[in-house]
N, C-alpha and C. Protein backbone atom coordinates (compact mmCIF):
# COMPACT_ATOMS: atom_id res chain seq x y z
N MET A 1 11.05 33.56 5.46
CA MET A 1 11.76 32.61 5.44
C MET A 1 13.21 32.77 5.88
N THR A 2 13.95 32.46 6.71
CA THR A 2 15.78 32.71 7.54
C THR A 2 16.44 31.69 7.09
N ILE A 3 15.98 30.40 5.95
CA ILE A 3 16.47 29.53 5.84
C ILE A 3 16.26 28.81 4.73
N ALA A 4 17.64 28.62 3.71
CA ALA A 4 17.57 27.95 2.61
C ALA A 4 16.78 26.58 2.55
N THR A 5 16.16 26.21 1.57
CA THR A 5 15.70 24.83 1.25
C THR A 5 16.85 24.03 1.20
N ALA A 6 18.07 24.21 0.51
CA ALA A 6 19.26 23.35 0.61
C ALA A 6 19.97 23.10 2.09
N ASP A 7 19.48 24.22 3.03
CA ASP A 7 20.43 23.80 4.22
C ASP A 7 18.94 23.12 4.74
N LEU A 8 18.31 23.20 4.97
CA LEU A 8 17.19 22.89 5.74
C LEU A 8 17.23 21.13 5.09
N TYR A 9 17.43 21.01 3.80
CA TYR A 9 17.52 19.76 3.55
C TYR A 9 18.36 18.88 4.09
N ASP A 10 19.57 19.44 4.03
CA ASP A 10 21.03 19.10 4.92
C ASP A 10 20.73 18.91 6.08
N ASP A 11 20.02 19.69 7.14
CA ASP A 11 19.85 19.56 8.10
C ASP A 11 18.53 18.57 8.57
N ARG A 12 17.57 17.97 7.67
CA ARG A 12 16.41 17.16 7.92
C ARG A 12 15.79 16.31 7.34
N GLY A 13 16.95 16.17 5.92
CA GLY A 13 16.67 15.23 4.98
C GLY A 13 15.39 14.31 4.65
N ASP A 14 15.46 12.98 5.53
CA ASP A 14 14.74 12.06 5.33
C ASP A 14 13.07 12.39 6.09
N GLU A 15 12.73 13.55 6.64
CA GLU A 15 11.53 13.79 7.59
C GLU A 15 10.81 15.00 6.31
N LEU A 16 11.88 15.06 4.83
CA LEU A 16 11.20 16.01 4.20
C LEU A 16 11.08 15.23 2.85
N ASP A 17 10.42 15.56 1.79
CA ASP A 17 9.97 15.34 0.25
C ASP A 17 10.49 16.56 -0.34
N SER A 18 11.26 16.25 -0.97
CA SER A 18 12.02 17.08 -2.57
C SER A 18 10.99 17.64 -3.65
N LEU A 19 10.15 18.25 -4.10
CA LEU A 19 9.35 17.95 -5.18
C LEU A 19 10.32 18.37 -6.39
N SER A 20 10.50 17.37 -7.32
CA SER A 20 11.05 17.32 -8.61
C SER A 20 10.92 18.27 -9.95
N LEU A 21 9.34 18.58 -9.69
CA LEU A 21 9.01 19.35 -10.72
C LEU A 21 9.62 20.83 -10.53
N GLN A 22 9.96 21.10 -11.83
CA GLN A 22 11.22 22.14 -11.64
C GLN A 22 9.61 23.67 -12.31
N LEU A 23 9.05 24.51 -10.96
CA LEU A 23 8.58 25.23 -11.38
C LEU A 23 9.29 26.96 -11.52
N LEU A 24 8.64 27.80 -12.23
CA LEU A 24 8.81 28.71 -12.32
C LEU A 24 8.59 29.99 -10.98
N ASP A 25 9.54 30.70 -10.80
CA ASP A 25 9.07 31.57 -9.62
C ASP A 25 8.52 32.99 -10.18
N LEU A 26 7.47 33.29 -10.28
CA LEU A 26 6.44 34.40 -10.75
C LEU A 26 6.06 35.68 -9.72
N GLY A 27 6.27 35.39 -8.47
CA GLY A 27 5.37 36.33 -7.27
C GLY A 27 6.71 37.38 -7.15
N GLY A 28 6.61 37.99 -6.28
CA GLY A 28 7.33 39.23 -5.74
C GLY A 28 8.51 38.72 -4.61
N ARG A 29 8.09 37.70 -4.74
CA ARG A 29 8.90 37.00 -2.87
C ARG A 29 9.41 35.60 -3.52
N THR A 30 10.46 35.28 -3.65
CA THR A 30 11.08 33.93 -4.36
C THR A 30 11.31 33.14 -2.97
N ALA A 31 11.84 33.44 -1.80
CA ALA A 31 11.31 32.49 -0.60
C ALA A 31 10.33 32.68 0.21
N PHE A 32 9.63 31.32 0.61
CA PHE A 32 8.36 31.97 1.26
C PHE A 32 8.01 30.21 2.02
N ASP A 33 7.26 30.24 3.15
CA ASP A 33 6.73 28.54 3.75
C ASP A 33 5.67 29.31 4.86
N GLY A 34 5.17 28.14 4.52
CA GLY A 34 4.03 28.12 5.80
C GLY A 34 3.35 26.62 5.92
N PRO A 35 1.99 26.89 6.71
CA PRO A 35 1.27 25.38 6.55
C PRO A 35 0.38 25.42 4.98
N VAL A 36 0.37 23.87 4.96
CA VAL A 36 -0.05 23.88 3.59
C VAL A 36 -1.85 23.69 3.74
N ARG A 37 -2.43 24.42 2.71
CA ARG A 37 -3.89 24.61 2.42
C ARG A 37 -3.77 24.10 0.74
N THR A 38 -4.74 22.93 0.45
CA THR A 38 -4.98 22.66 -0.74
C THR A 38 -5.95 23.25 -1.09
N VAL A 39 -5.95 23.16 -3.10
CA VAL A 39 -7.02 23.11 -3.77
C VAL A 39 -6.73 22.07 -4.90
N ARG A 40 -7.52 21.32 -5.20
CA ARG A 40 -7.54 20.34 -6.59
C ARG A 40 -8.86 20.58 -7.43
N CYS A 41 -8.18 21.44 -8.48
CA CYS A 41 -8.94 21.36 -9.73
C CYS A 41 -8.71 21.31 -10.76
N HIS A 42 -9.46 21.85 -12.01
CA HIS A 42 -9.18 21.41 -13.26
C HIS A 42 -9.57 22.30 -14.15
N ARG A 43 -8.85 23.24 -14.48
CA ARG A 43 -9.11 24.53 -15.41
C ARG A 43 -10.41 25.02 -15.06
N ASP A 44 -10.42 25.34 -13.46
CA ASP A 44 -11.84 25.74 -12.55
C ASP A 44 -10.98 26.23 -11.63
N ASN A 45 -11.20 27.61 -11.36
CA ASN A 45 -10.44 28.72 -10.27
C ASN A 45 -11.58 29.10 -9.24
N ALA A 46 -12.61 28.34 -9.17
CA ALA A 46 -13.63 29.30 -8.27
C ALA A 46 -13.36 28.96 -6.84
N LEU A 47 -12.79 27.59 -6.98
CA LEU A 47 -12.58 27.24 -5.25
C LEU A 47 -11.31 28.19 -4.63
N VAL A 48 -10.12 28.14 -6.00
CA VAL A 48 -9.16 29.33 -5.60
C VAL A 48 -9.06 30.14 -4.99
N LYS A 49 -10.11 31.12 -5.74
CA LYS A 49 -10.59 32.39 -5.50
C LYS A 49 -11.18 32.53 -4.06
N GLN A 50 -12.18 31.09 -3.86
CA GLN A 50 -12.74 31.44 -2.41
C GLN A 50 -11.75 31.32 -1.35
N VAL A 51 -11.14 30.41 -1.72
CA VAL A 51 -10.15 29.93 -0.76
C VAL A 51 -8.64 31.08 -0.39
N LEU A 52 -8.31 31.61 -1.30
CA LEU A 52 -7.70 32.84 -1.21
C LEU A 52 -8.68 34.08 -0.76
N ASN A 53 -9.87 33.96 -0.72
CA ASN A 53 -10.35 35.21 -0.59
C ASN A 53 -10.54 35.68 1.52
N SER A 54 -9.90 34.16 1.68
CA SER A 54 -10.59 33.83 3.29
C SER A 54 -9.28 34.02 3.82
N PRO A 55 -8.76 34.20 5.15
CA PRO A 55 -7.78 34.56 6.28
C PRO A 55 -6.83 33.76 5.95
N GLY A 56 -5.45 33.58 5.23
CA GLY A 56 -4.53 32.84 4.86
C GLY A 56 -3.22 32.34 6.50
N GLU A 57 -3.68 33.22 7.31
CA GLU A 57 -2.71 33.31 8.35
C GLU A 57 -1.72 32.88 8.12
N GLY A 58 -1.07 33.40 6.94
CA GLY A 58 0.73 32.63 6.70
C GLY A 58 0.62 31.23 6.07
N ALA A 59 -0.54 31.07 5.82
CA ALA A 59 -0.43 29.71 5.07
C ALA A 59 -0.20 29.72 3.70
N VAL A 60 0.39 28.46 2.73
CA VAL A 60 0.56 28.26 1.55
C VAL A 60 -0.19 27.46 0.86
N LEU A 61 -0.80 28.17 -0.12
CA LEU A 61 -1.78 26.92 -1.35
C LEU A 61 -1.36 26.28 -2.04
N VAL A 62 -1.45 25.17 -1.95
CA VAL A 62 -1.11 24.24 -3.00
C VAL A 62 -2.22 23.67 -3.94
N VAL A 63 -2.17 24.64 -5.22
CA VAL A 63 -3.24 23.93 -6.37
C VAL A 63 -2.44 23.01 -6.84
N ASP A 64 -3.65 22.17 -7.04
CA ASP A 64 -3.11 20.67 -8.04
C ASP A 64 -4.08 21.33 -9.37
N GLY A 65 -3.45 21.67 -10.32
CA GLY A 65 -4.51 21.62 -11.48
C GLY A 65 -4.02 20.68 -12.70
N GLY A 66 -3.66 19.29 -12.61
CA GLY A 66 -3.64 18.36 -12.72
C GLY A 66 -2.12 18.85 -13.92
N GLY A 67 -1.42 19.64 -13.93
CA GLY A 67 -0.19 20.15 -14.84
C GLY A 67 -1.24 20.40 -16.04
N SER A 68 -2.02 21.09 -16.30
CA SER A 68 -2.66 21.54 -17.29
C SER A 68 -2.35 22.98 -17.71
N LEU A 69 -1.47 23.16 -18.94
CA LEU A 69 -1.28 24.84 -18.99
C LEU A 69 -2.43 25.57 -19.92
N ALA A 70 -3.79 24.66 -19.93
CA ALA A 70 -4.80 25.16 -20.76
C ALA A 70 -5.13 26.76 -20.60
N SER A 71 -5.27 26.64 -18.98
CA SER A 71 -6.13 28.28 -18.72
C SER A 71 -5.25 28.26 -17.20
N ALA A 72 -5.35 29.50 -17.12
CA ALA A 72 -4.91 30.21 -15.72
C ALA A 72 -5.07 29.90 -13.97
N LEU A 73 -5.25 29.31 -13.28
CA LEU A 73 -6.11 29.37 -12.01
C LEU A 73 -5.51 30.34 -11.17
N VAL A 74 -4.52 31.20 -11.37
CA VAL A 74 -4.31 32.63 -10.88
C VAL A 74 -3.89 33.58 -11.37
N GLY A 75 -4.57 34.61 -11.34
CA GLY A 75 -4.47 36.08 -11.99
C GLY A 75 -4.17 37.06 -10.88
N ASP A 76 -3.91 38.33 -11.53
CA ASP A 76 -3.44 39.14 -10.35
C ASP A 76 -4.16 39.79 -9.24
N LEU A 77 -5.83 39.49 -9.81
CA LEU A 77 -6.68 39.93 -8.57
C LEU A 77 -7.26 38.89 -7.66
N ILE A 78 -6.89 37.49 -8.25
CA ILE A 78 -6.82 36.71 -6.93
C ILE A 78 -5.65 36.56 -5.70
N ALA A 79 -4.24 36.77 -6.56
CA ALA A 79 -3.28 36.99 -5.94
C ALA A 79 -3.32 38.19 -5.07
N GLY A 80 -4.04 39.37 -5.81
CA GLY A 80 -4.07 40.46 -4.64
C GLY A 80 -4.70 40.61 -3.35
N ALA A 81 -5.59 39.34 -3.90
CA ALA A 81 -6.36 38.87 -2.67
C ALA A 81 -5.50 38.00 -1.37
N ALA A 82 -5.07 37.49 -2.02
CA ALA A 82 -4.01 36.63 -1.30
C ALA A 82 -3.33 37.22 -0.40
N VAL A 83 -2.43 38.49 -1.16
CA VAL A 83 -2.13 39.20 -0.07
C VAL A 83 -2.90 39.95 0.99
N GLU A 84 -3.93 40.45 0.27
CA GLU A 84 -4.48 40.96 1.12
C GLU A 84 -5.04 40.10 2.77
N ASN A 85 -5.22 38.91 2.64
CA ASN A 85 -5.80 38.13 3.36
C ASN A 85 -4.76 37.26 4.15
N GLY A 86 -3.42 37.74 3.93
CA GLY A 86 -1.96 37.11 4.84
C GLY A 86 -1.46 35.67 4.42
N TRP A 87 -1.96 35.33 2.95
CA TRP A 87 -0.90 34.09 2.63
C TRP A 87 0.16 34.32 2.52
N ALA A 88 1.34 33.48 2.89
CA ALA A 88 2.78 33.81 2.29
C ALA A 88 2.79 33.06 0.84
N GLY A 89 2.16 32.63 0.13
CA GLY A 89 2.42 31.86 -0.96
C GLY A 89 1.87 31.25 -1.58
N ILE A 90 1.90 30.90 -2.86
CA ILE A 90 1.00 30.21 -3.75
C ILE A 90 1.79 28.92 -4.71
N ILE A 91 1.44 27.70 -4.60
CA ILE A 91 1.91 26.91 -5.69
C ILE A 91 1.46 26.02 -6.64
N VAL A 92 1.24 26.67 -7.66
CA VAL A 92 0.48 25.80 -8.59
C VAL A 92 1.16 25.02 -10.20
N ASN A 93 0.27 23.81 -9.52
CA ASN A 93 0.40 22.73 -10.13
C ASN A 93 -0.47 22.65 -11.83
N GLY A 94 0.02 23.85 -12.79
CA GLY A 94 -0.90 24.48 -13.71
C GLY A 94 0.00 26.14 -13.83
N ALA A 95 -1.02 26.93 -14.83
CA ALA A 95 -0.68 28.24 -15.27
C ALA A 95 -1.10 29.15 -14.62
N ILE A 96 -0.75 30.19 -14.49
CA ILE A 96 -0.95 31.39 -14.11
C ILE A 96 -1.16 32.69 -15.19
N ARG A 97 -1.89 33.88 -14.99
CA ARG A 97 -1.73 34.87 -15.78
C ARG A 97 -1.51 36.17 -14.77
N ASP A 98 -1.06 37.09 -15.60
CA ASP A 98 -0.95 38.76 -15.05
C ASP A 98 0.40 38.43 -14.99
N ARG A 99 1.81 37.48 -15.13
CA ARG A 99 2.94 37.66 -14.78
C ARG A 99 3.78 38.91 -14.25
N VAL A 100 3.65 39.61 -15.11
CA VAL A 100 4.14 41.23 -14.94
C VAL A 100 3.51 41.84 -13.25
N ALA A 101 2.34 41.65 -13.51
CA ALA A 101 1.60 42.19 -12.25
C ALA A 101 1.75 41.49 -11.05
N LEU A 102 1.83 39.85 -11.19
CA LEU A 102 2.41 39.37 -10.35
C LEU A 102 3.68 39.32 -9.48
N ALA A 103 4.58 39.47 -10.36
CA ALA A 103 5.87 40.19 -10.13
C ALA A 103 6.13 40.94 -9.10
N THR A 104 5.34 42.04 -9.03
CA THR A 104 5.30 43.10 -8.16
C THR A 104 4.57 42.81 -6.70
N LEU A 105 4.07 41.62 -6.49
CA LEU A 105 3.26 41.47 -5.44
C LEU A 105 4.04 40.64 -4.47
N PRO A 106 3.90 41.24 -3.02
CA PRO A 106 4.83 40.36 -2.27
C PRO A 106 4.15 39.50 -1.60
N LEU A 107 4.32 38.26 -2.48
CA LEU A 107 3.86 37.25 -2.30
C LEU A 107 4.58 35.61 -2.92
N GLY A 108 4.68 34.92 -2.42
CA GLY A 108 5.63 33.39 -3.05
C GLY A 108 4.31 32.89 -4.66
N LEU A 109 5.07 32.74 -5.62
CA LEU A 109 4.38 32.32 -6.41
C LEU A 109 4.87 31.14 -7.02
N LYS A 110 4.60 30.13 -7.18
CA LYS A 110 5.31 29.20 -8.17
C LYS A 110 4.35 28.30 -9.00
N ALA A 111 4.57 28.47 -10.44
CA ALA A 111 3.80 27.63 -11.25
C ALA A 111 4.46 27.15 -12.16
N LEU A 112 3.92 26.55 -12.94
CA LEU A 112 4.34 25.89 -14.50
C LEU A 112 4.28 26.60 -15.58
N GLY A 113 3.64 27.84 -15.58
CA GLY A 113 4.08 28.54 -16.30
C GLY A 113 2.78 29.57 -16.38
N SER A 114 2.40 30.21 -17.92
CA SER A 114 1.42 31.27 -17.95
C SER A 114 0.73 30.81 -19.12
N ASN A 115 -0.74 31.52 -18.96
CA ASN A 115 -1.64 31.21 -20.15
C ASN A 115 -2.34 32.90 -19.88
N PRO A 116 -3.07 33.33 -21.18
CA PRO A 116 -3.70 34.56 -20.54
C PRO A 116 -5.37 34.24 -20.36
N ARG A 117 -5.58 32.97 -20.90
CA ARG A 117 -6.99 32.38 -20.96
C ARG A 117 -7.53 32.25 -20.02
N LYS A 118 -8.66 32.82 -19.52
CA LYS A 118 -8.99 32.66 -18.28
C LYS A 118 -9.87 30.80 -17.75
N SER A 119 -10.31 30.71 -16.98
CA SER A 119 -10.33 29.32 -16.49
C SER A 119 -12.02 29.13 -16.09
N ALA A 120 -12.96 28.33 -16.12
CA ALA A 120 -13.84 28.06 -15.66
C ALA A 120 -14.52 28.93 -14.35
N LYS A 121 -15.60 29.07 -14.04
CA LYS A 121 -15.93 29.62 -12.58
C LYS A 121 -16.93 28.58 -11.90
N ASP A 122 -17.34 27.58 -12.54
CA ASP A 122 -18.11 26.56 -11.53
C ASP A 122 -17.96 25.65 -10.30
N GLY A 123 -16.75 26.09 -9.91
CA GLY A 123 -16.42 25.35 -8.11
C GLY A 123 -16.16 23.87 -8.42
N VAL A 124 -15.88 23.77 -9.30
CA VAL A 124 -15.76 22.24 -9.55
C VAL A 124 -14.43 21.70 -9.00
N GLY A 125 -14.26 20.71 -7.99
CA GLY A 125 -13.23 20.48 -7.56
C GLY A 125 -13.28 20.31 -5.90
N GLU A 126 -11.98 20.22 -5.25
CA GLU A 126 -12.02 19.97 -3.93
C GLU A 126 -11.08 21.05 -3.49
N VAL A 127 -11.19 21.08 -1.61
CA VAL A 127 -10.35 21.87 -1.22
C VAL A 127 -10.20 20.97 0.37
N ASP A 128 -8.97 21.19 0.59
CA ASP A 128 -7.92 20.63 1.73
C ASP A 128 -8.24 19.35 2.08
N VAL A 129 -7.93 18.89 0.73
CA VAL A 129 -7.63 16.94 0.71
C VAL A 129 -5.90 17.24 0.27
N PRO A 130 -5.65 15.83 0.89
CA PRO A 130 -4.53 15.56 0.22
C PRO A 130 -4.07 15.65 -1.20
N VAL A 131 -3.01 16.28 -1.95
CA VAL A 131 -2.93 16.38 -2.84
C VAL A 131 -1.17 16.11 -3.53
N THR A 132 -1.37 14.77 -4.89
CA THR A 132 -0.10 14.25 -4.88
C THR A 132 0.28 14.80 -5.92
N ILE A 133 1.69 15.67 -6.09
CA ILE A 133 1.85 16.36 -7.27
C ILE A 133 3.77 15.72 -7.71
N ALA A 134 3.95 15.53 -8.73
CA ALA A 134 5.40 14.60 -8.96
C ALA A 134 5.72 13.57 -7.80
N GLY A 135 4.73 12.72 -7.20
CA GLY A 135 5.21 11.80 -6.43
C GLY A 135 4.99 12.42 -5.10
N VAL A 136 4.79 13.50 -4.90
CA VAL A 136 5.41 14.29 -3.65
C VAL A 136 3.49 14.44 -3.25
N VAL A 137 3.64 13.99 -1.65
CA VAL A 137 2.25 14.18 -1.25
C VAL A 137 1.96 15.47 -0.49
N PHE A 138 0.90 16.64 -0.60
CA PHE A 138 1.01 17.98 0.41
C PHE A 138 -0.17 17.42 0.79
N ALA A 139 -0.17 17.22 2.34
CA ALA A 139 -1.25 17.37 2.93
C ALA A 139 -1.55 18.18 3.66
N PRO A 140 -2.51 18.87 4.15
CA PRO A 140 -3.40 20.01 4.59
C PRO A 140 -2.64 20.20 6.09
N GLY A 141 -2.12 21.18 6.68
CA GLY A 141 -1.37 21.31 8.22
C GLY A 141 0.15 21.00 7.76
N ARG A 142 0.41 19.96 6.98
CA ARG A 142 1.90 19.79 6.84
C ARG A 142 2.84 21.43 6.20
N HIS A 143 4.11 21.44 6.77
CA HIS A 143 4.70 22.45 6.40
C HIS A 143 5.14 22.44 4.92
N VAL A 144 5.32 23.46 4.48
CA VAL A 144 6.31 23.56 3.27
C VAL A 144 7.20 24.97 2.62
N TRP A 145 7.98 24.51 1.99
CA TRP A 145 9.38 25.30 2.23
C TRP A 145 9.11 25.71 0.66
N ALA A 146 9.64 26.59 0.33
CA ALA A 146 9.90 26.96 -1.26
C ALA A 146 11.01 28.33 -1.43
N ASP A 147 11.93 28.06 -2.28
CA ASP A 147 12.60 29.18 -2.85
C ASP A 147 13.58 29.28 -4.01
N ALA A 148 14.28 29.65 -4.44
CA ALA A 148 14.68 29.54 -5.77
C ALA A 148 15.03 28.19 -6.31
N ASP A 149 15.68 27.41 -4.82
CA ASP A 149 16.31 26.00 -5.19
C ASP A 149 15.26 25.14 -5.33
N GLY A 150 13.75 25.19 -5.23
CA GLY A 150 12.68 23.94 -4.85
C GLY A 150 11.74 24.31 -3.69
N VAL A 151 11.30 23.47 -3.82
CA VAL A 151 10.14 23.28 -2.99
C VAL A 151 10.32 21.91 -1.84
N LEU A 152 10.08 22.14 -0.63
CA LEU A 152 10.12 20.92 0.37
C LEU A 152 9.04 20.89 1.39
N VAL A 153 8.76 19.93 1.52
CA VAL A 153 7.56 19.71 2.66
C VAL A 153 7.53 18.44 3.29
N GLU A 154 6.78 18.72 4.93
CA GLU A 154 7.55 17.87 5.50
C GLU A 154 6.48 16.19 5.33
N ARG A 155 6.97 15.03 5.23
CA ARG A 155 6.26 14.13 5.54
C ARG A 155 5.33 13.40 6.24
């Protein structure tokens, strides 16, 4: 990413939505961008794993875990697969785990926090559907930008 989100917002303003939810930077890259892919799930990361084990082609996976911090939706193995498969980053409205390992990966990763507890593996949820987080719609195919200042997405 070559442009800061603050500069991008100054330039494009009304074309973008800004996520007011405060997320932690937990990956090895703070700045990342790409087309949106989505997973909606609650305390079940089977679909997250499935999607991140497919070619990412520079996309950003937005995971709507409903804001739950009760169990992790992404850990070091799943994030490692994302790196291997060419994903630019992951934004999680929920928890991750393996923070120390995740910080070493060349991957953008933002999340609410962490919890060492594993999630279910039942495959319950939806893939590539519009998800709304803190009033901002993340629709598959729209572009998302993230850096230390926050997250912007095309309207």
